[in-house]
N, C-alpha and C. Protein backbone atom coordinates (compact mmCIF):
# COMPACT_ATOMS: atom_id res chain seq x y z
N UNK A 1 -35.31 14.25 26.17
CA UNK A 1 -34.40 14.56 25.10
C UNK A 1 -33.80 13.28 24.52
N UNK A 2 -33.43 12.31 25.37
CA UNK A 2 -32.83 11.06 24.92
C UNK A 2 -33.78 10.27 24.03
N UNK A 3 -35.06 10.29 24.34
CA UNK A 3 -36.05 9.56 23.54
C UNK A 3 -36.18 10.18 22.15
N UNK A 4 -36.15 11.51 22.07
CA UNK A 4 -36.21 12.19 20.77
C UNK A 4 -35.01 11.84 19.92
N UNK A 5 -33.83 11.85 20.52
CA UNK A 5 -32.60 11.54 19.80
C UNK A 5 -32.62 10.11 19.30
N UNK A 6 -33.09 9.19 20.13
CA UNK A 6 -33.19 7.79 19.74
C UNK A 6 -34.17 7.63 18.57
N UNK A 7 -35.28 8.37 18.60
CA UNK A 7 -36.25 8.33 17.51
C UNK A 7 -35.62 8.85 16.21
N UNK A 8 -34.87 9.96 16.31
CA UNK A 8 -34.20 10.53 15.14
C UNK A 8 -33.18 9.54 14.58
N UNK A 9 -32.37 8.94 15.46
CA UNK A 9 -31.36 7.98 15.01
C UNK A 9 -32.01 6.78 14.33
N UNK A 10 -33.11 6.29 14.88
CA UNK A 10 -33.79 5.13 14.29
C UNK A 10 -34.39 5.50 12.93
N UNK A 11 -34.96 6.70 12.83
CA UNK A 11 -35.53 7.14 11.55
C UNK A 11 -34.41 7.29 10.51
N UNK A 12 -33.28 7.83 10.93
CA UNK A 12 -32.15 8.00 10.02
C UNK A 12 -31.62 6.64 9.56
N UNK A 13 -31.56 5.68 10.47
CA UNK A 13 -31.13 4.33 10.12
C UNK A 13 -32.06 3.72 9.06
N UNK A 14 -33.36 3.88 9.24
CA UNK A 14 -34.33 3.36 8.26
C UNK A 14 -34.17 4.05 6.92
N UNK A 15 -33.90 5.37 6.92
CA UNK A 15 -33.70 6.11 5.67
C UNK A 15 -32.46 5.61 4.92
N UNK A 16 -31.40 5.33 5.66
CA UNK A 16 -30.17 4.83 5.03
C UNK A 16 -30.42 3.46 4.42
N UNK A 17 -31.06 2.58 5.16
CA UNK A 17 -31.35 1.23 4.66
C UNK A 17 -32.25 1.32 3.41
N UNK A 18 -33.24 2.20 3.45
CA UNK A 18 -34.14 2.36 2.30
C UNK A 18 -33.38 2.91 1.09
N UNK A 19 -32.51 3.87 1.31
CA UNK A 19 -31.73 4.45 0.20
C UNK A 19 -30.82 3.40 -0.42
N UNK A 20 -30.20 2.58 0.42
CA UNK A 20 -29.35 1.50 -0.11
C UNK A 20 -30.18 0.50 -0.91
N UNK A 21 -31.39 0.25 -0.47
CA UNK A 21 -32.27 -0.69 -1.19
C UNK A 21 -32.76 -0.13 -2.52
N UNK A 22 -32.92 1.19 -2.61
CA UNK A 22 -33.39 1.82 -3.86
C UNK A 22 -32.29 1.94 -4.90
N UNK A 23 -31.06 2.15 -4.45
CA UNK A 23 -29.96 2.37 -5.38
C UNK A 23 -29.58 1.05 -6.05
N UNK A 24 -29.54 1.06 -7.36
CA UNK A 24 -29.25 -0.16 -8.11
C UNK A 24 -27.90 -0.77 -7.82
N UNK A 25 -26.91 0.04 -7.52
CA UNK A 25 -25.57 -0.50 -7.30
C UNK A 25 -25.35 -1.01 -5.88
N UNK A 26 -26.31 -0.77 -4.99
CA UNK A 26 -26.15 -1.23 -3.61
C UNK A 26 -27.33 -2.08 -3.15
N UNK A 27 -28.19 -2.46 -4.06
CA UNK A 27 -29.42 -3.16 -3.70
C UNK A 27 -29.16 -4.50 -3.02
N UNK A 28 -28.08 -5.19 -3.38
CA UNK A 28 -27.85 -6.54 -2.88
C UNK A 28 -26.74 -6.63 -1.84
N UNK A 29 -26.38 -5.52 -1.24
CA UNK A 29 -25.35 -5.55 -0.22
C UNK A 29 -25.92 -6.09 1.08
N UNK A 30 -25.08 -6.73 1.87
CA UNK A 30 -25.48 -7.31 3.14
C UNK A 30 -24.83 -6.50 4.25
N UNK A 31 -25.57 -5.48 4.73
CA UNK A 31 -25.01 -4.55 5.71
C UNK A 31 -25.86 -4.45 6.95
N UNK A 32 -25.21 -4.08 8.03
CA UNK A 32 -25.89 -3.74 9.28
C UNK A 32 -25.63 -2.26 9.50
N UNK A 33 -26.67 -1.50 9.81
CA UNK A 33 -26.54 -0.05 9.98
C UNK A 33 -26.94 0.32 11.39
N UNK A 34 -26.06 1.05 12.08
CA UNK A 34 -26.36 1.61 13.39
C UNK A 34 -26.15 3.12 13.31
N UNK A 35 -26.99 3.87 14.01
CA UNK A 35 -26.86 5.33 13.99
C UNK A 35 -26.92 5.85 15.42
N UNK A 36 -26.00 6.78 15.71
CA UNK A 36 -25.98 7.44 17.00
C UNK A 36 -25.53 8.88 16.79
N UNK A 37 -26.37 9.82 17.15
CA UNK A 37 -26.07 11.26 17.00
C UNK A 37 -25.73 11.62 15.56
N UNK A 38 -26.37 11.00 14.60
CA UNK A 38 -26.12 11.32 13.20
C UNK A 38 -24.89 10.64 12.62
N UNK A 39 -24.19 9.83 13.42
CA UNK A 39 -23.03 9.08 12.94
C UNK A 39 -23.49 7.67 12.61
N UNK A 40 -23.39 7.33 11.33
CA UNK A 40 -23.85 6.02 10.87
C UNK A 40 -22.66 5.06 10.79
N UNK A 41 -22.81 3.91 11.40
CA UNK A 41 -21.80 2.86 11.33
C UNK A 41 -22.34 1.74 10.47
N UNK A 42 -21.61 1.44 9.39
CA UNK A 42 -22.03 0.39 8.46
C UNK A 42 -21.06 -0.76 8.57
N UNK A 43 -21.57 -1.94 8.87
CA UNK A 43 -20.75 -3.14 8.96
C UNK A 43 -21.34 -4.20 8.06
N UNK A 44 -20.50 -5.10 7.59
CA UNK A 44 -20.97 -6.18 6.75
C UNK A 44 -19.99 -6.46 5.63
N UNK A 45 -20.52 -7.05 4.55
CA UNK A 45 -19.68 -7.45 3.44
C UNK A 45 -20.18 -6.84 2.14
N UNK A 46 -19.23 -6.44 1.30
CA UNK A 46 -19.54 -5.98 -0.05
C UNK A 46 -18.68 -6.78 -1.01
N UNK A 47 -19.08 -6.82 -2.28
CA UNK A 47 -18.39 -7.64 -3.27
C UNK A 47 -17.13 -7.00 -3.82
N UNK A 48 -17.07 -5.68 -3.83
CA UNK A 48 -15.93 -5.02 -4.47
C UNK A 48 -15.71 -3.64 -3.86
N UNK A 49 -14.56 -3.07 -4.23
CA UNK A 49 -14.25 -1.71 -3.79
C UNK A 49 -15.27 -0.74 -4.39
N UNK A 50 -15.66 -0.98 -5.63
CA UNK A 50 -16.65 -0.11 -6.28
C UNK A 50 -17.97 -0.13 -5.52
N UNK A 51 -18.35 -1.30 -5.04
CA UNK A 51 -19.59 -1.41 -4.27
C UNK A 51 -19.46 -0.66 -2.94
N UNK A 52 -18.29 -0.72 -2.32
CA UNK A 52 -18.06 0.02 -1.08
C UNK A 52 -18.19 1.52 -1.32
N UNK A 53 -17.62 2.00 -2.43
CA UNK A 53 -17.74 3.42 -2.76
C UNK A 53 -19.19 3.81 -3.03
N UNK A 54 -19.94 2.91 -3.66
CA UNK A 54 -21.36 3.18 -3.91
C UNK A 54 -22.13 3.27 -2.60
N UNK A 55 -21.83 2.39 -1.66
CA UNK A 55 -22.47 2.43 -0.33
C UNK A 55 -22.15 3.76 0.34
N UNK A 56 -20.91 4.19 0.25
CA UNK A 56 -20.50 5.46 0.85
C UNK A 56 -21.26 6.62 0.22
N UNK A 57 -21.35 6.63 -1.10
CA UNK A 57 -22.04 7.70 -1.82
C UNK A 57 -23.51 7.76 -1.41
N UNK A 58 -24.17 6.61 -1.36
CA UNK A 58 -25.59 6.57 -1.03
C UNK A 58 -25.82 7.01 0.42
N UNK A 59 -25.02 6.49 1.33
CA UNK A 59 -25.21 6.81 2.75
C UNK A 59 -24.95 8.30 3.02
N UNK A 60 -23.93 8.86 2.38
CA UNK A 60 -23.67 10.29 2.55
C UNK A 60 -24.78 11.14 1.95
N UNK A 61 -25.51 10.60 1.00
CA UNK A 61 -26.59 11.34 0.35
C UNK A 61 -27.86 11.44 1.19
N UNK A 62 -27.94 10.69 2.28
CA UNK A 62 -29.12 10.74 3.14
C UNK A 62 -29.00 11.94 4.06
N UNK A 63 -30.01 12.78 4.00
CA UNK A 63 -30.00 14.00 4.82
C UNK A 63 -30.01 13.63 6.30
N UNK A 64 -29.10 14.26 7.03
CA UNK A 64 -29.00 14.02 8.46
C UNK A 64 -27.77 13.20 8.84
N UNK A 65 -27.15 12.55 7.86
CA UNK A 65 -25.93 11.79 8.15
C UNK A 65 -24.79 12.78 8.31
N UNK A 66 -24.19 12.79 9.49
CA UNK A 66 -23.11 13.73 9.77
C UNK A 66 -21.75 13.10 9.57
N UNK A 67 -21.67 11.79 9.76
CA UNK A 67 -20.40 11.09 9.58
C UNK A 67 -20.68 9.62 9.33
N UNK A 68 -19.75 8.97 8.63
CA UNK A 68 -19.87 7.53 8.36
C UNK A 68 -18.67 6.82 8.96
N UNK A 69 -18.93 5.66 9.51
CA UNK A 69 -17.88 4.78 10.01
C UNK A 69 -18.06 3.46 9.28
N UNK A 70 -16.97 2.95 8.69
CA UNK A 70 -17.07 1.72 7.91
C UNK A 70 -16.38 0.57 8.61
N UNK A 71 -17.06 -0.52 8.64
CA UNK A 71 -16.49 -1.79 9.09
C UNK A 71 -16.85 -2.82 8.04
N UNK A 72 -16.52 -2.50 6.80
CA UNK A 72 -16.93 -3.35 5.67
C UNK A 72 -15.79 -4.25 5.23
N UNK A 73 -16.11 -5.51 5.03
CA UNK A 73 -15.17 -6.46 4.44
C UNK A 73 -15.47 -6.54 2.96
N UNK A 74 -14.42 -6.53 2.16
CA UNK A 74 -14.60 -6.67 0.72
C UNK A 74 -14.36 -8.12 0.36
N UNK A 75 -15.38 -8.77 -0.20
CA UNK A 75 -15.33 -10.19 -0.50
C UNK A 75 -14.55 -10.54 -1.75
N UNK A 76 -14.24 -9.56 -2.55
CA UNK A 76 -13.64 -9.83 -3.85
C UNK A 76 -12.39 -10.70 -3.69
N UNK A 77 -12.20 -11.54 -4.67
CA UNK A 77 -11.01 -12.37 -4.67
C UNK A 77 -9.80 -11.48 -4.85
N UNK A 78 -8.70 -11.89 -4.25
CA UNK A 78 -7.50 -11.10 -4.42
C UNK A 78 -7.03 -11.24 -5.87
N UNK A 79 -6.61 -10.14 -6.47
CA UNK A 79 -6.18 -10.21 -7.86
C UNK A 79 -4.93 -11.07 -7.98
N UNK A 80 -4.73 -11.64 -9.14
CA UNK A 80 -3.53 -12.46 -9.31
C UNK A 80 -2.29 -11.60 -9.10
N UNK A 81 -1.32 -12.16 -8.44
CA UNK A 81 -0.10 -11.41 -8.13
C UNK A 81 0.77 -11.33 -9.37
N UNK A 82 1.24 -10.14 -9.66
CA UNK A 82 2.12 -9.94 -10.80
C UNK A 82 3.56 -10.17 -10.35
N UNK A 83 4.34 -10.74 -11.25
CA UNK A 83 5.74 -10.96 -10.91
C UNK A 83 6.47 -9.62 -10.91
N UNK A 84 7.59 -9.60 -10.22
CA UNK A 84 8.40 -8.39 -10.20
C UNK A 84 8.87 -8.04 -11.61
N UNK A 85 9.13 -9.05 -12.42
CA UNK A 85 9.55 -8.81 -13.81
C UNK A 85 8.44 -8.11 -14.59
N UNK A 86 7.18 -8.58 -14.43
CA UNK A 86 6.06 -7.94 -15.12
C UNK A 86 5.91 -6.49 -14.67
N UNK A 87 6.06 -6.26 -13.39
CA UNK A 87 5.95 -4.90 -12.86
C UNK A 87 7.06 -4.01 -13.43
N UNK A 88 8.29 -4.53 -13.45
CA UNK A 88 9.42 -3.75 -13.97
C UNK A 88 9.22 -3.40 -15.44
N UNK A 89 8.79 -4.38 -16.24
CA UNK A 89 8.55 -4.12 -17.67
C UNK A 89 7.46 -3.07 -17.86
N UNK A 90 6.38 -3.20 -17.11
CA UNK A 90 5.29 -2.23 -17.22
C UNK A 90 5.74 -0.84 -16.79
N UNK A 91 6.56 -0.77 -15.74
CA UNK A 91 7.03 0.53 -15.25
C UNK A 91 7.92 1.21 -16.28
N UNK A 92 8.83 0.46 -16.87
CA UNK A 92 9.71 1.03 -17.89
C UNK A 92 8.90 1.55 -19.07
N UNK A 93 7.93 0.76 -19.53
CA UNK A 93 7.08 1.18 -20.66
C UNK A 93 6.29 2.43 -20.32
N UNK A 94 5.65 2.43 -19.18
CA UNK A 94 4.80 3.58 -18.82
C UNK A 94 5.61 4.86 -18.63
N UNK A 95 6.79 4.73 -18.06
CA UNK A 95 7.62 5.92 -17.88
C UNK A 95 8.07 6.47 -19.23
N UNK A 96 8.35 5.58 -20.19
CA UNK A 96 8.71 6.05 -21.54
C UNK A 96 7.51 6.72 -22.21
N UNK A 97 6.35 6.12 -22.08
CA UNK A 97 5.13 6.66 -22.70
C UNK A 97 4.72 7.97 -22.07
N UNK A 98 5.08 8.17 -20.82
CA UNK A 98 4.68 9.39 -20.11
C UNK A 98 5.06 10.63 -20.88
N UNK A 99 6.25 10.67 -21.42
CA UNK A 99 6.68 11.79 -22.25
C UNK A 99 7.17 13.00 -21.48
N UNK A 100 6.82 13.13 -20.23
CA UNK A 100 7.24 14.29 -19.44
C UNK A 100 8.39 13.88 -18.52
N UNK A 101 8.29 12.70 -17.96
CA UNK A 101 9.32 12.20 -17.06
C UNK A 101 10.53 11.79 -17.88
N UNK A 102 11.73 12.22 -17.51
CA UNK A 102 12.93 11.80 -18.24
C UNK A 102 13.27 10.34 -17.91
N UNK A 103 12.58 9.41 -18.56
CA UNK A 103 12.69 7.99 -18.25
C UNK A 103 14.12 7.48 -18.39
N UNK A 104 14.87 8.04 -19.33
CA UNK A 104 16.25 7.58 -19.54
C UNK A 104 17.15 7.89 -18.35
N UNK A 105 16.74 8.79 -17.49
CA UNK A 105 17.55 9.17 -16.33
C UNK A 105 17.19 8.36 -15.08
N UNK A 106 16.24 7.44 -15.21
CA UNK A 106 15.76 6.70 -14.05
C UNK A 106 16.22 5.24 -14.09
N UNK A 107 16.46 4.70 -12.92
CA UNK A 107 16.70 3.27 -12.76
C UNK A 107 15.65 2.76 -11.77
N UNK A 108 15.23 1.53 -11.98
CA UNK A 108 14.20 0.95 -11.13
C UNK A 108 14.71 -0.32 -10.48
N UNK A 109 14.34 -0.51 -9.24
CA UNK A 109 14.53 -1.79 -8.55
C UNK A 109 13.14 -2.26 -8.16
N UNK A 110 12.85 -3.53 -8.41
CA UNK A 110 11.55 -4.07 -8.03
C UNK A 110 11.79 -5.31 -7.17
N UNK A 111 11.20 -5.29 -5.99
CA UNK A 111 11.34 -6.43 -5.09
C UNK A 111 10.04 -6.62 -4.32
N UNK A 112 9.45 -7.78 -4.50
CA UNK A 112 8.22 -8.14 -3.80
C UNK A 112 7.10 -7.11 -4.01
N UNK A 113 7.02 -6.57 -5.23
CA UNK A 113 5.98 -5.61 -5.57
C UNK A 113 6.30 -4.17 -5.20
N UNK A 114 7.42 -3.93 -4.54
CA UNK A 114 7.82 -2.58 -4.18
C UNK A 114 8.82 -2.07 -5.21
N UNK A 115 8.56 -0.89 -5.74
CA UNK A 115 9.41 -0.30 -6.76
C UNK A 115 10.22 0.82 -6.13
N UNK A 116 11.53 0.77 -6.34
CA UNK A 116 12.41 1.85 -5.87
C UNK A 116 12.87 2.63 -7.10
N UNK A 117 12.63 3.92 -7.09
CA UNK A 117 13.06 4.81 -8.17
C UNK A 117 14.39 5.42 -7.79
N UNK A 118 15.35 5.32 -8.71
CA UNK A 118 16.68 5.90 -8.49
C UNK A 118 17.04 6.76 -9.69
N UNK A 119 17.90 7.70 -9.48
CA UNK A 119 18.36 8.54 -10.57
C UNK A 119 18.28 10.00 -10.20
N UNK A 120 18.42 10.82 -11.22
CA UNK A 120 18.46 12.26 -11.01
C UNK A 120 17.50 12.93 -11.98
N UNK A 121 16.67 13.80 -11.45
CA UNK A 121 15.73 14.55 -12.29
C UNK A 121 15.95 16.03 -12.06
N UNK A 122 15.51 16.82 -13.02
CA UNK A 122 15.75 18.26 -12.94
C UNK A 122 14.72 18.98 -12.08
N UNK A 123 13.47 18.53 -12.13
CA UNK A 123 12.38 19.24 -11.44
C UNK A 123 11.65 18.30 -10.49
N UNK A 124 11.09 18.87 -9.43
CA UNK A 124 10.36 18.07 -8.45
C UNK A 124 9.11 17.44 -9.06
N UNK A 125 8.48 18.11 -10.02
CA UNK A 125 7.27 17.53 -10.62
C UNK A 125 7.62 16.27 -11.41
N UNK A 126 8.86 16.14 -11.89
CA UNK A 126 9.29 14.89 -12.54
C UNK A 126 9.25 13.75 -11.53
N UNK A 127 9.71 14.03 -10.33
CA UNK A 127 9.69 13.04 -9.26
C UNK A 127 8.25 12.61 -8.96
N UNK A 128 7.37 13.58 -8.80
CA UNK A 128 5.97 13.27 -8.48
C UNK A 128 5.31 12.47 -9.60
N UNK A 129 5.56 12.88 -10.84
CA UNK A 129 4.94 12.17 -11.97
C UNK A 129 5.48 10.76 -12.10
N UNK A 130 6.75 10.57 -11.85
CA UNK A 130 7.33 9.22 -11.91
C UNK A 130 6.69 8.33 -10.84
N UNK A 131 6.56 8.85 -9.63
CA UNK A 131 5.93 8.09 -8.56
C UNK A 131 4.49 7.73 -8.91
N UNK A 132 3.71 8.71 -9.36
CA UNK A 132 2.31 8.48 -9.71
C UNK A 132 2.18 7.48 -10.85
N UNK A 133 3.05 7.58 -11.84
CA UNK A 133 2.99 6.68 -12.99
C UNK A 133 3.24 5.25 -12.55
N UNK A 134 4.24 5.04 -11.71
CA UNK A 134 4.59 3.69 -11.28
C UNK A 134 3.56 3.15 -10.29
N UNK A 135 3.07 4.01 -9.40
CA UNK A 135 2.10 3.58 -8.39
C UNK A 135 0.81 3.06 -9.03
N UNK A 136 0.46 3.55 -10.21
CA UNK A 136 -0.79 3.16 -10.87
C UNK A 136 -0.70 1.79 -11.54
N UNK A 137 0.44 1.17 -11.56
CA UNK A 137 0.61 -0.12 -12.22
C UNK A 137 0.05 -1.23 -11.34
N UNK A 138 -0.72 -2.09 -11.94
CA UNK A 138 -1.32 -3.21 -11.22
C UNK A 138 -0.23 -4.09 -10.64
N UNK A 139 -0.36 -4.42 -9.37
CA UNK A 139 0.61 -5.28 -8.70
C UNK A 139 1.62 -4.51 -7.87
N UNK A 140 1.72 -3.21 -8.07
CA UNK A 140 2.67 -2.41 -7.30
C UNK A 140 2.12 -2.23 -5.89
N UNK A 141 2.90 -2.65 -4.91
CA UNK A 141 2.48 -2.55 -3.51
C UNK A 141 2.94 -1.26 -2.86
N UNK A 142 3.97 -0.63 -3.43
CA UNK A 142 4.47 0.62 -2.87
C UNK A 142 5.60 1.15 -3.73
N UNK A 143 5.88 2.45 -3.55
CA UNK A 143 6.94 3.10 -4.32
C UNK A 143 7.88 3.79 -3.34
N UNK A 144 9.16 3.51 -3.49
CA UNK A 144 10.20 4.18 -2.68
C UNK A 144 10.90 5.19 -3.58
N UNK A 145 10.94 6.40 -3.14
CA UNK A 145 11.54 7.47 -3.93
C UNK A 145 12.97 7.72 -3.47
N UNK A 146 13.91 7.34 -4.30
CA UNK A 146 15.33 7.59 -4.03
C UNK A 146 15.89 8.52 -5.11
N UNK A 147 15.00 9.29 -5.73
CA UNK A 147 15.42 10.23 -6.78
C UNK A 147 16.03 11.47 -6.15
N UNK A 148 17.01 12.02 -6.85
CA UNK A 148 17.60 13.27 -6.38
C UNK A 148 17.37 14.34 -7.44
N UNK A 149 17.33 15.57 -6.99
CA UNK A 149 17.15 16.70 -7.89
C UNK A 149 18.52 17.24 -8.27
N UNK A 150 18.67 17.59 -9.54
CA UNK A 150 19.92 18.21 -9.99
C UNK A 150 20.00 19.61 -9.39
N UNK A 151 21.00 19.88 -8.60
CA UNK A 151 21.06 21.18 -7.93
C UNK A 151 21.28 22.33 -8.89
N UNK A 152 21.90 22.07 -10.01
CA UNK A 152 22.22 23.14 -10.94
C UNK A 152 21.11 23.39 -11.96
N UNK A 153 20.10 22.56 -11.98
CA UNK A 153 19.06 22.64 -13.01
C UNK A 153 18.37 23.98 -13.09
N UNK A 154 17.90 24.46 -11.97
CA UNK A 154 17.16 25.72 -11.97
C UNK A 154 18.11 26.89 -12.28
N UNK A 155 19.30 26.87 -11.70
CA UNK A 155 20.25 27.96 -11.93
C UNK A 155 20.71 28.00 -13.38
N UNK A 156 20.92 26.81 -13.97
CA UNK A 156 21.34 26.76 -15.37
C UNK A 156 20.25 27.32 -16.27
N UNK A 157 19.01 27.03 -15.97
CA UNK A 157 17.89 27.55 -16.77
C UNK A 157 17.81 29.07 -16.64
N UNK A 158 17.95 29.57 -15.43
CA UNK A 158 17.90 31.02 -15.22
C UNK A 158 19.07 31.68 -15.95
N UNK A 159 20.25 31.08 -15.89
CA UNK A 159 21.43 31.65 -16.57
C UNK A 159 21.21 31.69 -18.08
N UNK A 160 20.64 30.62 -18.65
CA UNK A 160 20.35 30.61 -20.09
C UNK A 160 19.35 31.69 -20.46
N UNK A 161 18.34 31.89 -19.62
CA UNK A 161 17.35 32.92 -19.89
C UNK A 161 17.99 34.32 -19.83
N UNK A 162 18.86 34.53 -18.88
CA UNK A 162 19.53 35.83 -18.77
C UNK A 162 20.41 36.07 -19.99
N UNK A 163 21.15 35.02 -20.40
CA UNK A 163 22.00 35.14 -21.59
C UNK A 163 21.15 35.46 -22.83
N UNK A 164 20.05 34.71 -22.96
CA UNK A 164 19.18 34.90 -24.13
C UNK A 164 18.60 36.31 -24.13
N UNK A 165 18.17 36.80 -22.98
CA UNK A 165 17.60 38.14 -22.86
C UNK A 165 18.66 39.20 -23.17
N UNK A 166 19.90 38.96 -22.72
CA UNK A 166 20.97 39.91 -22.97
C UNK A 166 21.32 40.04 -24.44
N UNK A 167 21.18 38.96 -25.21
CA UNK A 167 21.47 39.01 -26.63
C UNK A 167 20.44 39.80 -27.40
N UNK A 168 19.23 39.86 -26.88
CA UNK A 168 18.14 40.52 -27.62
C UNK A 168 18.16 42.03 -27.45
N UNK A 169 18.94 42.55 -26.49
CA UNK A 169 18.92 44.00 -26.25
C UNK A 169 20.00 44.72 -27.01
C-alpha cells in the first residue's frame, strides 16, 4: 500500500510541476513541490502576490490535490512607505467620495500607518463601510474602530415611520 501511495504522490507532484510550467503566469517561478497523501507543499520564491495567487490557482486546478501548504517568499520590493499625512488626506477624501458613510461625523487619527476612526454613526453598516474604505488605502497598516452607534437612531426612525403612517390614516 505504501508503494502505491508513494507512486500516486510522485505522479501528482509531476502533474503540479507540469501545470505550473504550462501556465503563462507561473512559467518562470522557482518552486520546490512535495506531495504526501494529496497534500502539496510548495516552497520557493515568487516575484509578486499576484504570482503567488496564480501558483495557488494552478496547483488547486490539478486533479488529486486535496490541500496546499505554502512556504513561498515574495521577492517583490517593499512599496514606498506613505507618510501619515498622505494616508490621512487620502482617507478624508475617500470617505467623502463614498457618499454612504457620514464622513462629516468621523474623526481620524493616523499614527505609523494605523488609522483610528472616531465619532458616532447611526448604523452598523456605516462603521463597516468606513473601515473597508480606509483599509483599502495604500500604506494603511491597520484600522482601529473607535466608532460608536447612536443609540436613538433606530428608535427615532421607527418613531418617524409610525408618525408618518398615523397621518395617512
